[in-house]
Amino acid sequence: MLCALRPIEKLWGDWYPRQINRAQCREFVRIRTEEDGVSNTTAKKSFDILVAAMNHARKEGLLTVVPFVEKPKENPPRDKWARPHEAKALLAKLEELPHLKLFAMLALHTLSRKRAILELQWAQVDLESRRIDFNPPDRQHTKKRRVPVPINDSLLQALTQAREVATTNHVIEWRGNPCYEIGRAFRNYAREVNLGWITPHVLRHTGATLMVQNGVSMWEIAGIMGDKLETVEKHYLKHHPDYLKDATSALDRIYA
């Protein structure tokens, strides 16, 4: 959030909220996209957080009116996912830092989000029943659902090895401490094998895409990801081997 708000502070930091208008919003977006080279989506994120902050201030009695903030349209989502050989190459490189490899294994095999994996504790991992509960009892539920996920053979081996040498309660640890941020190190190692475009979140998309390509049902994938079925179909149905197959087969028969 701090990164997203720095442009607000730089361009509007000495303003009162009442000074914000549509023209200023459009100028902000122009500066961010044309001069700073960011996408509409990145510029919109700054506005999203600003509006949330102003709404909070209104509830606390610090503002009487929240001004209208005209947000830009988001860019179309980029369909990024790693092919099996690319995922293997990345995992091989991450052997040099075991905690990064374990993170990647969890992301690829459970389709969980970065934060859920970094917050995961061994008390949530049942190696005997081969099950991970990513939603601890004391966690406040949000829109980003966390669900129990089975542990497959590959992940069981990785978790068993990690458990034997664990020194903290957290599954992902580094030098005897919980590790809550792996982004920079992950990017650096990915770049070394020419896969710098693979981010921690791309691993989640990779697992889901490869499942779809191998005929796993949308319902099962939605269950593992903790997403709604319509959300999964919207993003992944096009990768299914039977996608629109009946329609094109009908054309075969018609033209024959």
Protein backbone atom coordinates (compact mmCIF):
# COMPACT_ATOMS: atom_id res chain seq x y z
CA MET A 1 0.00 0.00 0.00
CA LEU A 2 2.87 2.37 0.76
CA CYS A 3 4.29 1.88 -2.75
CA ALA A 4 0.89 2.64 -4.27
CA LEU A 5 0.46 5.78 -2.15
CA ARG A 6 3.88 7.34 -2.79
CA PRO A 7 2.74 8.83 -6.15
CA ILE A 8 -0.29 10.30 -4.36
CA GLU A 9 1.99 11.90 -1.79
CA LYS A 10 4.34 13.19 -4.49
CA LEU A 11 1.67 14.76 -6.72
CA TRP A 12 -1.13 15.58 -4.28
CA GLY A 13 0.57 15.50 -0.89
CA ASP A 14 -0.05 19.17 -0.03
CA TRP A 15 -3.69 19.17 -1.13
CA TYR A 16 -6.94 19.01 0.76
CA PRO A 17 -9.28 16.20 -0.36
CA ARG A 18 -11.83 18.76 -1.56
CA GLN A 19 -9.34 19.89 -4.24
CA ILE A 20 -9.61 16.56 -6.07
CA ASN A 21 -11.71 16.67 -9.24
CA ARG A 22 -12.03 14.75 -12.51
CA ALA A 23 -9.50 16.90 -14.34
CA GLN A 24 -6.91 16.35 -11.63
CA CYS A 25 -7.59 12.60 -11.68
CA ARG A 26 -7.02 12.46 -15.42
CA GLU A 27 -3.81 14.46 -15.12
CA PHE A 28 -2.58 12.10 -12.39
CA VAL A 29 -3.21 9.11 -14.65
CA ARG A 30 -1.47 10.83 -17.56
CA ILE A 31 1.65 11.53 -15.51
CA ARG A 32 1.75 8.00 -14.16
CA THR A 33 1.24 6.28 -17.53
CA GLU A 34 3.13 8.61 -19.89
CA GLU A 35 5.94 9.94 -17.69
CA ASP A 36 6.37 7.16 -15.13
CA GLY A 37 5.58 4.35 -17.57
CA VAL A 38 3.16 2.40 -15.38
CA SER A 39 -0.07 0.74 -16.49
CA ASN A 40 -3.61 1.99 -15.95
CA THR A 41 -4.06 -0.84 -13.45
CA THR A 42 -1.14 0.42 -11.35
CA ALA A 43 -2.45 3.98 -11.45
CA LYS A 44 -5.92 2.77 -10.47
CA LYS A 45 -4.51 0.93 -7.45
CA SER A 46 -3.29 4.24 -6.01
CA PHE A 47 -6.81 5.63 -6.36
CA ASP A 48 -8.39 2.51 -4.84
CA ILE A 49 -6.31 2.86 -1.67
CA LEU A 50 -6.81 6.63 -1.51
CA VAL A 51 -10.59 6.26 -1.71
CA ALA A 52 -10.53 3.56 0.99
CA ALA A 53 -8.48 5.87 3.22
CA MET A 54 -10.85 8.79 2.69
CA ASN A 55 -13.89 6.60 3.38
CA HIS A 56 -12.23 5.49 6.63
CA ALA A 57 -11.54 9.13 7.52
CA ARG A 58 -15.20 9.99 6.92
CA LYS A 59 -16.33 7.21 9.25
CA GLU A 60 -13.94 8.53 11.92
CA GLY A 61 -15.34 12.03 11.55
CA LEU A 62 -12.20 13.49 9.95
CA LEU A 63 -13.95 14.21 6.64
CA THR A 64 -17.52 15.26 5.98
CA VAL A 65 -17.52 14.51 2.26
CA VAL A 66 -15.46 12.10 0.17
CA PRO A 67 -14.76 13.62 -3.27
CA PHE A 68 -15.45 11.70 -6.46
CA VAL A 69 -12.28 10.07 -7.81
CA GLU A 70 -12.42 9.16 -11.49
CA LYS A 71 -10.51 5.90 -11.92
CA PRO A 72 -8.99 4.71 -15.20
CA LYS A 73 -10.05 1.47 -16.83
CA GLU A 74 -7.83 -1.45 -15.90
CA ASN A 75 -5.62 -3.09 -18.49
CA PRO A 76 -6.70 -6.54 -19.67
CA PRO A 77 -5.23 -9.23 -17.37
CA ARG A 78 -2.05 -10.82 -18.68
CA ASP A 79 -2.33 -14.55 -19.17
CA LYS A 80 1.00 -15.61 -17.69
CA TRP A 81 1.76 -19.20 -16.75
CA ALA A 82 4.84 -21.40 -16.85
CA ARG A 83 5.15 -24.49 -19.02
CA PRO A 84 6.16 -27.68 -17.21
CA HIS A 85 9.79 -27.45 -18.36
CA GLU A 86 9.97 -23.82 -17.19
CA ALA A 87 8.59 -24.72 -13.76
CA LYS A 88 11.15 -27.52 -13.47
CA ALA A 89 13.99 -25.18 -14.47
CA LEU A 90 12.91 -22.67 -11.83
CA LEU A 91 12.68 -25.32 -9.11
CA ALA A 92 16.14 -26.58 -10.03
CA LYS A 93 17.56 -23.06 -9.61
CA LEU A 94 15.77 -22.58 -6.30
CA GLU A 95 17.62 -25.60 -4.88
CA GLU A 96 20.21 -23.03 -3.83
CA LEU A 97 17.72 -21.52 -1.38
CA PRO A 98 15.57 -24.32 0.11
CA HIS A 99 12.98 -21.97 1.62
CA LEU A 100 12.28 -20.48 -1.81
CA LYS A 101 11.97 -23.92 -3.38
CA LEU A 102 9.55 -25.02 -0.65
CA PHE A 103 7.50 -21.87 -1.23
CA ALA A 104 7.39 -22.60 -4.98
CA MET A 105 6.40 -26.21 -4.35
CA LEU A 106 3.53 -25.13 -2.11
CA ALA A 107 2.35 -22.55 -4.64
CA LEU A 108 2.48 -24.97 -7.57
CA HIS A 109 0.89 -27.92 -5.77
CA THR A 110 -1.75 -26.19 -3.60
CA LEU A 111 -2.53 -23.11 -5.77
CA SER A 112 -2.46 -20.99 -2.60
CA ARG A 113 -1.69 -17.30 -2.47
CA LYS A 114 1.67 -15.89 -1.42
CA ARG A 115 0.51 -14.54 1.93
CA ALA A 116 -1.28 -17.75 2.89
CA ILE A 117 1.90 -19.75 2.26
CA LEU A 118 4.21 -17.36 4.12
CA GLU A 119 1.87 -17.32 7.13
CA LEU A 120 1.48 -21.12 7.13
CA GLN A 121 2.55 -22.82 10.38
CA TRP A 122 3.38 -26.46 11.01
CA ALA A 123 0.34 -26.79 13.30
CA GLN A 124 -1.77 -26.40 10.15
CA VAL A 125 0.08 -29.19 8.33
CA ASP A 126 -1.00 -32.79 9.00
CA LEU A 127 1.57 -35.02 7.33
CA GLU A 128 -0.15 -38.22 8.48
CA SER A 129 -3.54 -37.29 7.06
CA ARG A 130 -1.80 -35.52 4.16
CA ARG A 131 -3.77 -32.31 4.52
CA ILE A 132 -2.97 -28.59 4.88
CA ASP A 133 -5.49 -26.20 6.41
CA PHE A 134 -4.51 -22.76 5.15
CA ASN A 135 -7.18 -21.09 7.28
CA PRO A 136 -6.17 -21.05 10.97
CA PRO A 137 -9.03 -20.81 13.52
CA ASP A 138 -8.10 -17.29 14.68
CA ARG A 139 -7.88 -15.77 11.20
CA GLN A 140 -10.50 -13.21 10.23
CA HIS A 141 -12.28 -14.37 7.07
CA THR A 142 -11.91 -12.17 3.99
CA LYS A 143 -12.88 -12.36 0.32
CA LYS A 144 -9.59 -14.19 -0.32
CA ARG A 145 -10.74 -17.56 0.95
CA ARG A 146 -8.31 -20.12 2.32
CA VAL A 147 -9.31 -23.76 2.16
CA PRO A 148 -7.96 -27.17 3.25
CA VAL A 149 -5.89 -28.79 0.50
CA PRO A 150 -4.67 -32.42 0.20
CA ILE A 151 -0.91 -33.06 0.12
CA ASN A 152 0.22 -35.00 -2.97
CA ASP A 153 3.29 -37.25 -3.14
CA SER A 154 5.75 -34.63 -4.39
CA LEU A 155 4.71 -32.08 -1.78
CA LEU A 156 4.69 -34.68 1.00
CA GLN A 157 8.34 -35.45 0.36
CA ALA A 158 9.29 -31.76 0.35
CA LEU A 159 7.34 -31.00 3.54
CA THR A 160 8.69 -34.04 5.35
CA GLN A 161 12.27 -32.99 4.63
CA ALA A 162 11.58 -29.43 5.68
CA ARG A 163 9.90 -30.52 8.92
CA GLU A 164 12.97 -32.50 9.95
CA VAL A 165 15.18 -29.40 9.90
CA ALA A 166 12.60 -26.79 10.98
CA THR A 167 13.64 -24.38 13.74
CA THR A 168 10.48 -22.23 13.88
CA ASN A 169 6.73 -22.77 13.91
CA HIS A 170 6.50 -21.40 10.36
CA VAL A 171 6.80 -23.66 7.36
CA ILE A 172 8.71 -21.03 5.35
CA GLU A 173 11.67 -19.88 7.42
CA TRP A 174 15.04 -18.28 6.71
CA ARG A 175 18.04 -18.37 9.05
CA GLY A 176 15.97 -19.38 12.04
CA ASN A 177 13.22 -16.80 11.57
CA PRO A 178 9.80 -16.75 9.88
CA CYS A 179 10.09 -15.39 6.35
CA TYR A 180 7.32 -12.95 5.44
CA GLU A 181 8.79 -11.54 2.21
CA ILE A 182 10.44 -13.49 -0.59
CA GLY A 183 9.66 -11.29 -3.60
CA ARG A 184 13.07 -9.76 -4.30
CA ALA A 185 15.08 -12.97 -3.83
CA PHE A 186 12.55 -14.92 -5.88
CA ARG A 187 12.78 -12.46 -8.78
CA ASN A 188 16.58 -12.48 -8.71
CA TYR A 189 16.79 -16.27 -8.92
CA ALA A 190 14.10 -16.43 -11.60
CA ARG A 191 16.02 -13.94 -13.73
CA GLU A 192 19.13 -16.12 -13.60
CA VAL A 193 17.31 -18.79 -15.62
CA ASN A 194 15.64 -16.22 -17.91
CA LEU A 195 12.31 -16.60 -16.14
CA GLY A 196 12.13 -13.19 -14.49
CA TRP A 197 8.50 -12.83 -15.58
CA ILE A 198 7.51 -15.62 -13.18
CA THR A 199 6.36 -14.04 -9.93
CA PRO A 200 5.04 -15.85 -6.85
CA HIS A 201 1.48 -15.18 -8.05
CA VAL A 202 2.24 -16.62 -11.49
CA LEU A 203 2.96 -19.95 -9.77
CA ARG A 204 -0.67 -20.10 -8.60
CA HIS A 205 -1.88 -19.45 -12.16
CA THR A 206 0.57 -22.02 -13.48
CA GLY A 207 -0.78 -24.80 -11.30
CA ALA A 208 -4.37 -23.97 -12.21
CA THR A 209 -3.63 -23.72 -15.95
CA LEU A 210 -1.75 -27.02 -16.07
CA MET A 211 -4.60 -28.72 -14.20
CA VAL A 212 -7.12 -27.41 -16.71
CA GLN A 213 -4.98 -28.50 -19.65
CA ASN A 214 -4.91 -32.01 -18.20
CA GLY A 215 -8.69 -32.21 -17.96
CA VAL A 216 -9.22 -31.56 -14.24
CA SER A 217 -12.77 -30.30 -13.68
CA MET A 218 -13.48 -26.62 -13.09
CA TRP A 219 -15.34 -27.54 -9.91
CA GLU A 220 -12.29 -29.25 -8.38
CA ILE A 221 -9.95 -26.42 -9.34
CA ALA A 222 -12.33 -23.86 -7.84
CA GLY A 223 -12.36 -25.92 -4.64
CA ILE A 224 -8.58 -25.97 -4.37
CA MET A 225 -8.15 -22.30 -5.21
CA GLY A 226 -10.93 -21.17 -2.89
CA ASP A 227 -12.55 -19.25 -5.75
CA LYS A 228 -16.06 -19.22 -7.15
CA LEU A 229 -16.73 -21.58 -10.05
CA GLU A 230 -17.64 -18.71 -12.38
CA THR A 231 -14.34 -16.97 -11.57
CA VAL A 232 -12.32 -20.05 -12.43
CA GLU A 233 -14.27 -20.63 -15.64
CA LYS A 234 -13.76 -17.01 -16.66
CA HIS A 235 -9.98 -17.23 -16.36
CA TYR A 236 -9.15 -20.86 -17.14
CA LEU A 237 -11.87 -22.50 -19.23
CA LYS A 238 -10.13 -21.47 -22.48
CA HIS A 239 -7.20 -23.74 -21.54
CA HIS A 240 -9.36 -26.88 -21.25
CA PRO A 241 -8.71 -29.44 -24.02
CA ASP A 242 -12.46 -29.79 -24.67
CA TYR A 243 -13.11 -26.03 -24.80
CA LEU A 244 -15.62 -25.43 -27.63
CA LYS A 245 -14.70 -28.83 -29.08
CA ASP A 246 -18.33 -29.82 -29.59
CA ALA A 247 -19.01 -26.58 -31.47
CA THR A 248 -16.16 -27.02 -33.94
CA SER A 249 -16.95 -30.71 -34.33
CA ALA A 250 -20.48 -29.71 -35.33
CA LEU A 251 -19.01 -27.58 -38.12
CA ASP A 252 -17.11 -30.66 -39.31
CA ARG A 253 -20.39 -32.51 -39.66
CA ILE A 254 -22.19 -29.56 -41.25
CA TYR A 255 -19.56 -28.92 -43.89
CA ALA A 256 -19.17 -32.63 -44.63
